[in-house]
Amino acid sequence: MRASTFAKTTAVVGAVALLSTGCLQNPNAGGGGGGGTGGNAYVDGGSADGDKVVTILGAFGGDEEKQFVASMAEFEKSSGIKVQYTSDQDFTTTIKQKVNAGDSPDIALFPQPGGLLEFAAQKKIQPIDTFLDYDAIARTLLPGLLDVSRYQGRVYGAPMRNANKSLIWVPKKAWDSGNYGQLDTWQNMVGPVSAKVKASNIAPWCMGWGSDQATGWVGTDWIEELVLKMYGPEVYNDWIFHRIPFNDPRIVKAFDEFAKVAKTPGQVLGGTQAITATKFGEAMTPAFATPPKCMMMKQGSFYQSFLPASVKKDTDNQVELFAAPEYAGGFKGKSVLGGGDLAALFNGNDPDSIAVMKFLSSDKFGVPWAKAGGWMSPHKTFDVANYPDNLTREVAKMANEADAIVFDGSDVMPKVIGSDVFWKQMIAWVNGQDSKTTADNIEAAWPKS
């Protein structure tokens, strides 16, 4: 595996950190930060206070649920607190119903910050600076992750899982034998490198957006990546928080840049018709055929679990990963499009729930899950030796060395946009709709308040 190196100075890193994360200061300094029992609490949902039982609602199911439970086991034993975790695949709907009915869990694990911010506006979630050492957690977290759950200056979500979406996957043996060149800039990747792959009778790009009702989300990740690479984290965050309109000319240009891959004949295996018809989890399978049918795929770190079984057994020798490269003339430095899950406290007066939140938001949480695979810590200080293979360790290293990390934009946008209109308009776009019309349609659908 390879990732480009980037020489950094303290001044540059400091400037970019401020750009991507805003002011990393305790917004409630002197007012109970790290406050043991939750000073300044105004949220009092969940179960009874001090009953040594903490209820958690999340979307983790199957093997992920097993690994989450395993990651809490040692804490439960040492603290005497019993954690009752409930998995719900319709988490977004269920958490709204429960909170609105006065039946909230003590803690909820949000896979998307949009819903969390809605509750923050309703004063249903406890700000983290009232019970966590805000400055300490800010020092250990990857830059930018706290800002995604900031509402009116306060932060309401504690990151407990991280994903790196700025990755280019290739079949290692075929890539090495083809000598296709360097992914040193975005333009080189989609231009000369892709042309050389195509000349060897292989489609340069593996791509699948199929995801049932969520079809289209893969395309949103590409647009988000390009906005970040082309214009940097400040413009990116202005865009996802609607401080600039969705149809800003810079965003339209990002769509046009993506068209050089998705809508250009010969670039994607099967052409535009195959993009939405191919399930996202099967997009890279043709890359491992003999000979390969496609070569490169842009997808997040979680994709490892979707690799063919024969490949998963030997990922270090079968798969090579590259950091999505810089856009020449765009943002200077390593930037990462991230994602993840955020823990939020609905029971601000319960010392047991606060203790669980402190553990969940620390760099000590998740060791069993990390060793099993499929989970990465949001903390730079997490011991990467806990990860099961070099591939995961390399992905974590890319994030740890990033100058700017932003959160998946469609997860931050209002649900009607990020989990509906944006997806649907990406499908219309890849099927022939022009970039400006697509951006205009999404802007027109943005909630007015």
Protein backbone atom coordinates (compact mmCIF):
# COMPACT_ATOMS: atom_id res chain seq x y z
CA MET A 1 0.00 0.00 0.00
CA ARG A 2 1.08 3.54 -0.64
CA ALA A 3 0.02 6.94 0.51
CA SER A 4 1.63 10.14 -0.66
CA THR A 5 3.82 11.98 1.82
CA PHE A 6 3.37 15.62 2.62
CA ALA A 7 5.88 17.81 4.45
CA LYS A 8 4.15 19.90 7.09
CA THR A 9 5.22 22.80 9.21
CA THR A 10 3.68 23.68 12.52
CA ALA A 11 2.38 26.95 11.12
CA VAL A 12 0.64 25.28 8.18
CA VAL A 13 -0.94 22.61 10.34
CA GLY A 14 -2.17 25.19 12.82
CA ALA A 15 -3.70 27.31 10.10
CA VAL A 16 -5.48 24.40 8.49
CA ALA A 17 -6.72 23.09 11.83
CA LEU A 18 -8.36 26.44 12.51
CA LEU A 19 -9.84 26.41 9.03
CA SER A 20 -11.36 22.97 9.33
CA THR A 21 -12.49 22.85 12.94
CA GLY A 22 -13.28 26.38 13.96
CA CYS A 23 -12.30 27.49 17.45
CA LEU A 24 -11.14 24.48 19.42
CA GLN A 25 -11.84 26.01 22.79
CA ASN A 26 -14.25 24.95 25.48
CA PRO A 27 -17.37 26.99 24.63
CA ASN A 28 -18.35 26.85 28.30
CA ALA A 29 -14.97 27.48 29.89
CA GLY A 30 -15.16 27.58 33.65
CA GLY A 31 -18.73 26.39 33.55
CA GLY A 32 -18.36 22.70 34.34
CA GLY A 33 -16.28 21.29 31.48
CA GLY A 34 -15.41 17.71 32.40
CA GLY A 35 -17.91 18.25 35.15
CA GLY A 36 -17.98 14.89 36.85
CA THR A 37 -21.68 14.65 37.56
CA GLY A 38 -22.87 16.82 34.71
CA GLY A 39 -22.89 20.35 36.04
CA ASN A 40 -25.23 22.71 34.19
CA ALA A 41 -27.45 19.78 33.22
CA TYR A 42 -30.76 20.69 31.70
CA VAL A 43 -31.61 17.42 29.93
CA ASP A 44 -33.23 14.82 32.13
CA GLY A 45 -34.52 12.02 29.88
CA GLY A 46 -33.61 8.37 29.89
CA SER A 47 -33.84 5.88 32.73
CA ALA A 48 -33.72 6.52 36.47
CA ASP A 49 -30.65 8.35 37.73
CA GLY A 50 -28.05 6.33 39.61
CA ASP A 51 -29.68 2.93 38.97
CA LYS A 52 -26.45 1.42 37.54
CA VAL A 53 -28.25 0.74 34.25
CA VAL A 54 -27.60 2.77 31.10
CA THR A 55 -29.77 2.35 28.01
CA ILE A 56 -28.24 2.95 24.57
CA LEU A 57 -30.00 3.05 21.20
CA GLY A 58 -28.02 2.71 17.99
CA ALA A 59 -28.05 1.37 14.46
CA PHE A 60 -25.30 -1.23 14.95
CA GLY A 61 -26.68 -4.70 14.25
CA GLY A 62 -25.36 -8.17 13.50
CA ASP A 63 -21.59 -8.54 13.92
CA GLU A 64 -21.25 -4.83 14.65
CA GLU A 65 -23.64 -5.16 17.57
CA LYS A 66 -21.65 -8.12 18.90
CA GLN A 67 -18.41 -6.15 18.72
CA PHE A 68 -19.95 -3.07 20.34
CA VAL A 69 -21.21 -5.20 23.23
CA ALA A 70 -17.79 -6.86 23.52
CA SER A 71 -16.14 -3.43 23.62
CA MET A 72 -18.29 -2.45 26.61
CA ALA A 73 -17.75 -5.69 28.59
CA GLU A 74 -14.59 -4.73 30.50
CA PHE A 75 -16.01 -1.31 31.36
CA GLU A 76 -19.21 -2.90 32.72
CA LYS A 77 -17.16 -5.26 34.86
CA SER A 78 -14.93 -2.56 36.33
CA SER A 79 -17.64 0.08 36.81
CA GLY A 80 -20.54 -2.09 37.93
CA ILE A 81 -22.74 -0.36 35.36
CA LYS A 82 -24.93 -2.53 33.13
CA VAL A 83 -25.23 -1.30 29.56
CA GLN A 84 -28.45 -2.24 27.77
CA TYR A 85 -27.92 -1.75 24.04
CA THR A 86 -30.81 -1.84 21.56
CA SER A 87 -30.18 -2.08 17.83
CA ASP A 88 -32.62 -0.43 15.45
CA GLN A 89 -32.08 -0.39 11.68
CA ASP A 90 -34.61 2.42 11.41
CA PHE A 91 -32.73 4.42 14.00
CA THR A 92 -33.48 7.85 12.53
CA THR A 93 -37.25 7.33 12.77
CA THR A 94 -37.21 5.47 16.09
CA ILE A 95 -35.10 7.98 17.99
CA LYS A 96 -37.45 10.80 16.94
CA GLN A 97 -40.48 8.83 18.05
CA LYS A 98 -38.95 7.97 21.39
CA VAL A 99 -37.72 11.46 22.20
CA ASN A 100 -40.99 13.06 21.16
CA ALA A 101 -42.89 10.56 23.32
CA GLY A 102 -40.70 11.28 26.37
CA ASP A 103 -39.15 7.81 26.16
CA SER A 104 -35.60 8.63 25.14
CA PRO A 105 -32.67 6.31 25.89
CA ASP A 106 -29.93 7.52 28.19
CA ILE A 107 -27.54 7.63 25.22
CA ALA A 108 -28.05 7.44 21.46
CA LEU A 109 -25.42 6.67 18.83
CA PHE A 110 -26.13 8.81 15.77
CA PRO A 111 -24.81 7.58 12.40
CA GLN A 112 -25.71 10.99 10.93
CA PRO A 113 -25.33 14.33 12.75
CA GLY A 114 -28.35 15.93 11.09
CA GLY A 115 -30.84 14.39 13.53
CA LEU A 116 -28.58 15.12 16.47
CA LEU A 117 -28.50 18.81 15.56
CA GLU A 118 -32.30 18.88 15.40
CA PHE A 119 -32.47 17.64 19.00
CA ALA A 120 -29.77 20.10 20.03
CA ALA A 121 -31.94 22.93 18.70
CA GLN A 122 -34.81 21.57 20.80
CA LYS A 123 -32.56 21.40 23.90
CA LYS A 124 -33.12 17.64 24.18
CA ILE A 125 -29.37 16.74 24.28
CA GLN A 126 -26.80 17.67 26.91
CA PRO A 127 -23.80 19.72 25.61
CA ILE A 128 -20.63 17.67 25.98
CA ASP A 129 -18.65 20.49 27.61
CA THR A 130 -20.77 20.07 30.77
CA PHE A 131 -19.55 16.53 31.46
CA LEU A 132 -16.42 15.88 29.36
CA ASP A 133 -13.01 17.51 29.51
CA TYR A 134 -13.58 19.35 26.25
CA ASP A 135 -10.03 20.58 25.76
CA ALA A 136 -8.57 17.13 26.41
CA ILE A 137 -10.87 15.38 23.94
CA ALA A 138 -10.21 18.08 21.35
CA ARG A 139 -6.48 17.37 21.58
CA THR A 140 -6.82 13.63 20.95
CA LEU A 141 -9.57 13.62 18.30
CA LEU A 142 -8.92 13.87 14.60
CA PRO A 143 -9.35 17.53 13.55
CA GLY A 144 -12.81 18.57 12.45
CA LEU A 145 -14.88 15.84 14.09
CA LEU A 146 -16.16 18.00 16.93
CA ASP A 147 -17.38 20.75 14.64
CA VAL A 148 -19.97 18.57 12.93
CA SER A 149 -22.23 18.54 16.00
CA ARG A 150 -21.73 22.17 16.97
CA TYR A 151 -24.93 24.18 17.41
CA GLN A 152 -24.83 27.86 18.37
CA GLY A 153 -21.31 27.50 19.72
CA ARG A 154 -21.86 24.35 21.81
CA VAL A 155 -20.96 20.79 20.82
CA TYR A 156 -23.55 18.09 21.44
CA GLY A 157 -22.03 14.87 20.05
CA ALA A 158 -18.94 12.90 21.08
CA PRO A 159 -17.34 10.99 18.16
CA MET A 160 -17.00 7.26 18.90
CA ARG A 161 -16.33 5.83 15.44
CA ASN A 162 -14.52 7.12 12.36
CA ALA A 163 -14.55 6.24 8.68
CA ASN A 164 -12.18 7.39 5.94
CA LYS A 165 -13.95 7.90 2.60
CA SER A 166 -11.03 9.48 0.73
CA LEU A 167 -9.67 6.20 -0.57
CA ILE A 168 -8.88 4.74 -3.98
CA TRP A 169 -8.94 0.93 -4.06
CA VAL A 170 -7.09 -1.17 -6.65
CA PRO A 171 -6.33 -4.89 -7.10
CA LYS A 172 -2.70 -4.95 -6.00
CA LYS A 173 -1.18 -7.56 -8.32
CA ALA A 174 -2.85 -6.23 -11.46
CA TRP A 175 -2.01 -2.64 -10.54
CA ASP A 176 1.64 -3.39 -9.86
CA SER A 177 2.08 -5.43 -13.04
CA GLY A 178 0.40 -2.74 -15.15
CA ASN A 179 2.77 0.04 -14.09
CA TYR A 180 0.03 2.61 -14.59
CA GLY A 181 1.69 5.59 -12.97
CA GLN A 182 1.28 7.78 -9.93
CA LEU A 183 -1.92 9.09 -8.38
CA ASP A 184 -0.17 12.33 -7.47
CA THR A 185 -2.95 14.69 -8.56
CA TRP A 186 -6.65 14.26 -9.24
CA GLN A 187 -6.16 15.39 -12.82
CA ASN A 188 -3.43 12.81 -13.41
CA MET A 189 -5.60 10.08 -11.89
CA VAL A 190 -8.65 10.72 -14.09
CA GLY A 191 -6.53 11.67 -17.12
CA PRO A 192 -3.25 9.92 -18.04
CA VAL A 193 -3.50 7.11 -15.48
CA SER A 194 -7.07 6.26 -16.49
CA ALA A 195 -6.08 6.44 -20.17
CA LYS A 196 -3.23 3.97 -19.65
CA VAL A 197 -5.57 1.54 -17.86
CA LYS A 198 -8.07 1.88 -20.70
CA ALA A 199 -5.32 1.19 -23.24
CA SER A 200 -4.77 -2.19 -21.59
CA ASN A 201 -8.43 -3.09 -22.36
CA ILE A 202 -9.54 -2.61 -18.76
CA ALA A 203 -12.17 -0.08 -17.67
CA PRO A 204 -10.34 2.46 -15.50
CA TRP A 205 -13.13 2.71 -12.91
CA CYS A 206 -15.27 0.24 -10.97
CA MET A 207 -18.46 1.98 -9.87
CA GLY A 208 -21.80 0.92 -8.40
CA TRP A 209 -24.43 3.07 -6.75
CA GLY A 210 -27.13 0.48 -6.21
CA SER A 211 -28.41 0.60 -2.62
CA ASP A 212 -32.16 0.00 -2.78
CA GLN A 213 -33.96 3.16 -1.59
CA ALA A 214 -30.61 4.79 -0.88
CA THR A 215 -29.31 4.42 -4.45
CA GLY A 216 -27.30 7.51 -5.33
CA TRP A 217 -25.40 8.02 -2.08
CA VAL A 218 -22.14 6.81 -3.63
CA GLY A 219 -22.40 9.65 -6.15
CA THR A 220 -22.84 12.21 -3.36
CA ASP A 221 -19.53 11.06 -1.87
CA TRP A 222 -17.77 11.84 -5.14
CA ILE A 223 -19.21 15.37 -5.25
CA GLU A 224 -18.26 15.96 -1.63
CA GLU A 225 -14.72 14.72 -2.28
CA LEU A 226 -14.33 17.08 -5.23
CA VAL A 227 -15.69 20.12 -3.39
CA LEU A 228 -13.19 19.41 -0.60
CA LYS A 229 -10.23 18.83 -2.92
CA MET A 230 -11.00 21.76 -5.22
CA TYR A 231 -11.91 24.43 -2.67
CA GLY A 232 -10.83 23.26 0.79
CA PRO A 233 -12.63 22.71 4.10
CA GLU A 234 -13.87 26.27 4.59
CA VAL A 235 -15.89 26.33 1.36
CA TYR A 236 -16.90 22.71 1.92
CA ASN A 237 -18.37 23.46 5.34
CA ASP A 238 -20.05 26.62 4.06
CA TRP A 239 -21.71 24.44 1.41
CA ILE A 240 -22.94 21.57 3.60
CA PHE A 241 -24.30 23.99 6.22
CA HIS A 242 -25.94 26.05 3.45
CA ARG A 243 -24.00 29.22 4.14
CA ILE A 244 -23.55 29.24 0.37
CA PRO A 245 -26.27 27.90 -1.94
CA PHE A 246 -26.12 24.35 -3.24
CA ASN A 247 -26.01 25.69 -6.80
CA ASP A 248 -23.00 27.95 -6.20
CA PRO A 249 -20.92 27.92 -9.43
CA ARG A 250 -18.10 26.15 -7.61
CA ILE A 251 -20.38 23.24 -6.74
CA VAL A 252 -21.62 23.03 -10.33
CA LYS A 253 -17.98 22.83 -11.44
CA ALA A 254 -17.43 19.90 -9.07
CA PHE A 255 -20.27 18.06 -10.82
CA ASP A 256 -18.61 18.77 -14.16
CA GLU A 257 -15.32 17.40 -12.90
CA PHE A 258 -17.03 14.23 -11.77
CA ALA A 259 -18.57 13.91 -15.23
CA LYS A 260 -15.04 13.32 -16.56
CA VAL A 261 -15.23 9.96 -14.79
CA ALA A 262 -18.87 8.94 -14.46
CA LYS A 263 -20.27 10.29 -17.73
CA THR A 264 -17.32 9.86 -20.10
CA PRO A 265 -17.54 6.81 -22.39
CA GLY A 266 -15.05 4.08 -21.57
CA GLN A 267 -14.19 5.34 -18.08
CA VAL A 268 -16.59 3.19 -16.01
CA LEU A 269 -17.22 -0.54 -16.41
CA GLY A 270 -20.57 -0.92 -18.14
CA GLY A 271 -21.04 2.81 -18.71
CA THR A 272 -23.61 5.07 -17.07
CA GLN A 273 -26.39 2.48 -17.30
CA ALA A 274 -24.41 0.05 -15.14
CA ILE A 275 -23.64 2.62 -12.43
CA THR A 276 -27.07 2.61 -10.80
CA ALA A 277 -27.77 -1.02 -11.71
CA THR A 278 -24.64 -2.31 -9.93
CA LYS A 279 -24.87 -2.79 -6.17
CA PHE A 280 -22.28 -0.68 -4.39
CA GLY A 281 -21.06 -3.71 -2.42
CA GLU A 282 -20.31 -5.60 -5.64
CA ALA A 283 -18.69 -2.74 -7.55
CA MET A 284 -15.10 -3.91 -7.12
CA THR A 285 -15.64 -7.65 -7.57
CA PRO A 286 -14.83 -7.46 -11.33
CA ALA A 287 -11.43 -5.97 -10.47
CA PHE A 288 -10.34 -9.37 -9.11
CA ALA A 289 -11.25 -11.31 -12.25
CA THR A 290 -8.47 -12.69 -14.46
CA PRO A 291 -7.84 -10.42 -16.28
CA PRO A 292 -9.44 -7.54 -14.34
CA LYS A 293 -12.52 -5.93 -15.88
CA CYS A 294 -12.01 -2.64 -14.02
CA MET A 295 -9.18 -1.19 -11.97
CA MET A 296 -9.85 1.73 -9.58
CA MET A 297 -12.69 2.34 -7.14
CA LYS A 298 -13.33 5.30 -4.84
CA GLN A 299 -15.01 4.11 -1.66
CA GLY A 300 -14.83 4.33 2.13
CA SER A 301 -12.81 2.24 4.56
CA PHE A 302 -15.88 0.18 5.49
CA TYR A 303 -15.79 -1.41 2.02
CA GLN A 304 -13.32 -4.00 3.26
CA SER A 305 -16.23 -6.06 4.57
CA PHE A 306 -17.74 -6.15 1.04
CA LEU A 307 -14.67 -7.56 -0.68
CA PRO A 308 -14.92 -11.08 -2.16
CA ALA A 309 -14.31 -13.74 0.50
CA SER A 310 -11.10 -14.93 -1.16
CA VAL A 311 -9.75 -11.38 -1.13
CA LYS A 312 -10.73 -10.66 2.50
CA LYS A 313 -8.62 -13.62 3.59
CA ASP A 314 -5.49 -11.92 2.26
CA THR A 315 -6.20 -8.20 1.94
CA ASP A 316 -2.60 -7.13 2.48
CA ASN A 317 -1.51 -9.00 -0.66
CA GLN A 318 -4.68 -8.61 -2.71
CA VAL A 319 -5.62 -4.95 -2.21
CA GLU A 320 -3.74 -1.69 -2.50
CA LEU A 321 -5.06 1.61 -1.18
CA PHE A 322 -4.18 5.15 -2.14
CA ALA A 323 -5.24 8.38 -0.54
CA ALA A 324 -7.50 10.30 -2.91
CA PRO A 325 -4.99 12.78 -4.37
CA GLU A 326 -4.93 16.56 -4.27
CA TYR A 327 -6.66 18.52 -6.99
CA ALA A 328 -3.97 20.58 -8.76
CA GLY A 329 -4.71 24.24 -8.11
CA GLY A 330 -7.05 23.35 -5.25
CA PHE A 331 -6.58 22.82 -1.52
CA LYS A 332 -2.96 22.27 -0.56
CA GLY A 333 -2.43 19.44 1.91
CA LYS A 334 -3.92 16.13 2.91
CA SER A 335 -7.67 16.32 3.20
CA VAL A 336 -10.01 13.51 4.21
CA LEU A 337 -13.72 13.09 3.70
CA GLY A 338 -14.79 11.33 6.87
CA GLY A 339 -17.83 9.86 8.47
CA GLY A 340 -18.68 8.06 11.65
CA ASP A 341 -20.96 7.83 14.65
CA LEU A 342 -21.60 10.29 17.45
CA ALA A 343 -22.67 9.53 21.01
CA ALA A 344 -25.22 11.92 22.51
CA LEU A 345 -26.43 12.17 26.11
CA PHE A 346 -30.16 12.46 26.81
CA ASN A 347 -29.80 12.03 30.60
CA GLY A 348 -27.66 14.89 31.88
CA ASN A 349 -28.22 14.21 35.58
CA ASP A 350 -27.28 10.53 35.61
CA PRO A 351 -23.70 9.83 36.80
CA ASP A 352 -23.84 6.34 35.28
CA SER A 353 -24.70 7.67 31.83
CA ILE A 354 -21.96 10.27 32.13
CA ALA A 355 -19.44 7.55 33.02
CA VAL A 356 -20.46 5.58 29.94
CA MET A 357 -20.15 8.70 27.75
CA LYS A 358 -16.66 9.34 29.08
CA PHE A 359 -15.62 5.81 28.15
CA LEU A 360 -17.32 5.83 24.73
CA SER A 361 -15.63 9.11 23.81
CA SER A 362 -12.15 8.04 24.98
CA ASP A 363 -9.25 6.49 23.08
CA LYS A 364 -9.65 3.36 25.26
CA PHE A 365 -13.00 2.38 23.74
CA GLY A 366 -13.23 -0.11 20.89
CA VAL A 367 -10.20 -2.38 21.28
CA PRO A 368 -12.12 -5.67 20.78
CA TRP A 369 -14.01 -4.14 17.85
CA ALA A 370 -10.81 -2.87 16.26
CA LYS A 371 -9.16 -6.29 16.56
CA ALA A 372 -12.18 -7.95 14.94
CA GLY A 373 -12.07 -5.50 12.01
CA GLY A 374 -14.54 -3.01 10.57
CA TRP A 375 -14.11 -0.24 13.15
CA MET A 376 -11.68 2.67 13.49
CA SER A 377 -11.20 5.04 16.38
CA PRO A 378 -11.73 8.79 15.89
CA HIS A 379 -8.73 9.41 18.16
CA LYS A 380 -5.20 10.06 16.90
CA THR A 381 -3.94 8.52 20.15
CA PHE A 382 -5.64 5.13 19.67
CA ASP A 383 -3.06 2.34 19.46
CA VAL A 384 -3.02 1.29 15.78
CA ALA A 385 -1.48 -2.06 16.81
CA ASN A 386 -5.05 -3.05 17.73
CA TYR A 387 -6.08 -3.10 14.07
CA PRO A 388 -6.04 -6.57 12.48
CA ASP A 389 -4.15 -5.90 9.23
CA ASN A 390 -1.85 -3.48 7.47
CA LEU A 391 -4.68 -2.22 5.28
CA THR A 392 -6.66 -0.91 8.26
CA ARG A 393 -3.54 0.47 9.92
CA GLU A 394 -2.68 2.35 6.72
CA VAL A 395 -6.19 3.81 6.47
CA ALA A 396 -5.96 4.98 10.08
CA LYS A 397 -2.54 6.49 9.40
CA MET A 398 -3.92 8.49 6.47
CA ALA A 399 -6.57 10.01 8.73
CA ASN A 400 -4.13 10.59 11.59
CA GLU A 401 -1.79 12.52 9.28
CA ALA A 402 -4.51 14.59 7.60
CA ASP A 403 -4.34 18.37 7.66
CA ALA A 404 -8.11 18.71 7.28
CA ILE A 405 -10.95 16.29 7.94
CA VAL A 406 -14.56 17.05 7.09
CA PHE A 407 -17.71 15.04 7.75
CA ASP A 408 -19.77 13.41 5.03
CA GLY A 409 -21.86 16.30 3.72
CA SER A 410 -25.06 14.43 2.92
CA ASP A 411 -25.10 13.12 6.50
CA VAL A 412 -24.97 16.69 7.81
CA MET A 413 -27.49 18.25 5.44
CA PRO A 414 -31.21 18.22 6.35
CA LYS A 415 -32.62 14.73 5.85
CA VAL A 416 -34.91 15.84 3.02
CA ILE A 417 -31.77 16.86 1.10
CA GLY A 418 -28.95 14.57 2.20
CA SER A 419 -30.99 11.36 2.40
CA ASP A 420 -33.49 12.03 -0.38
CA VAL A 421 -33.26 14.82 -2.94
CA PHE A 422 -29.45 14.72 -3.26
CA TRP A 423 -29.55 10.95 -3.89
CA LYS A 424 -32.38 11.19 -6.42
CA GLN A 425 -30.81 14.08 -8.27
CA MET A 426 -27.52 12.20 -8.55
CA ILE A 427 -29.42 9.42 -10.33
CA ALA A 428 -31.01 11.96 -12.69
CA TRP A 429 -27.59 13.52 -13.28
CA VAL A 430 -25.81 10.28 -14.15
CA ASN A 431 -28.69 9.43 -16.49
CA GLY A 432 -28.19 12.59 -18.53
CA GLN A 433 -29.34 15.64 -16.55
CA ASP A 434 -26.85 18.51 -16.71
CA SER A 435 -24.86 19.70 -13.70
CA LYS A 436 -26.48 23.12 -13.29
CA THR A 437 -30.02 21.77 -13.44
CA THR A 438 -29.09 19.15 -10.87
CA ALA A 439 -27.65 21.70 -8.46
CA ASP A 440 -30.57 24.07 -9.06
CA ASN A 441 -33.09 21.33 -8.26
CA ILE A 442 -31.37 20.49 -4.98
CA GLU A 443 -31.14 24.14 -3.99
CA ALA A 444 -34.85 24.62 -4.74
CA ALA A 445 -35.70 21.73 -2.39
CA TRP A 446 -33.63 23.04 0.54
CA PRO A 447 -35.87 23.77 3.57
CA LYS A 448 -36.58 27.46 3.94
CA SER A 449 -36.11 27.44 7.71
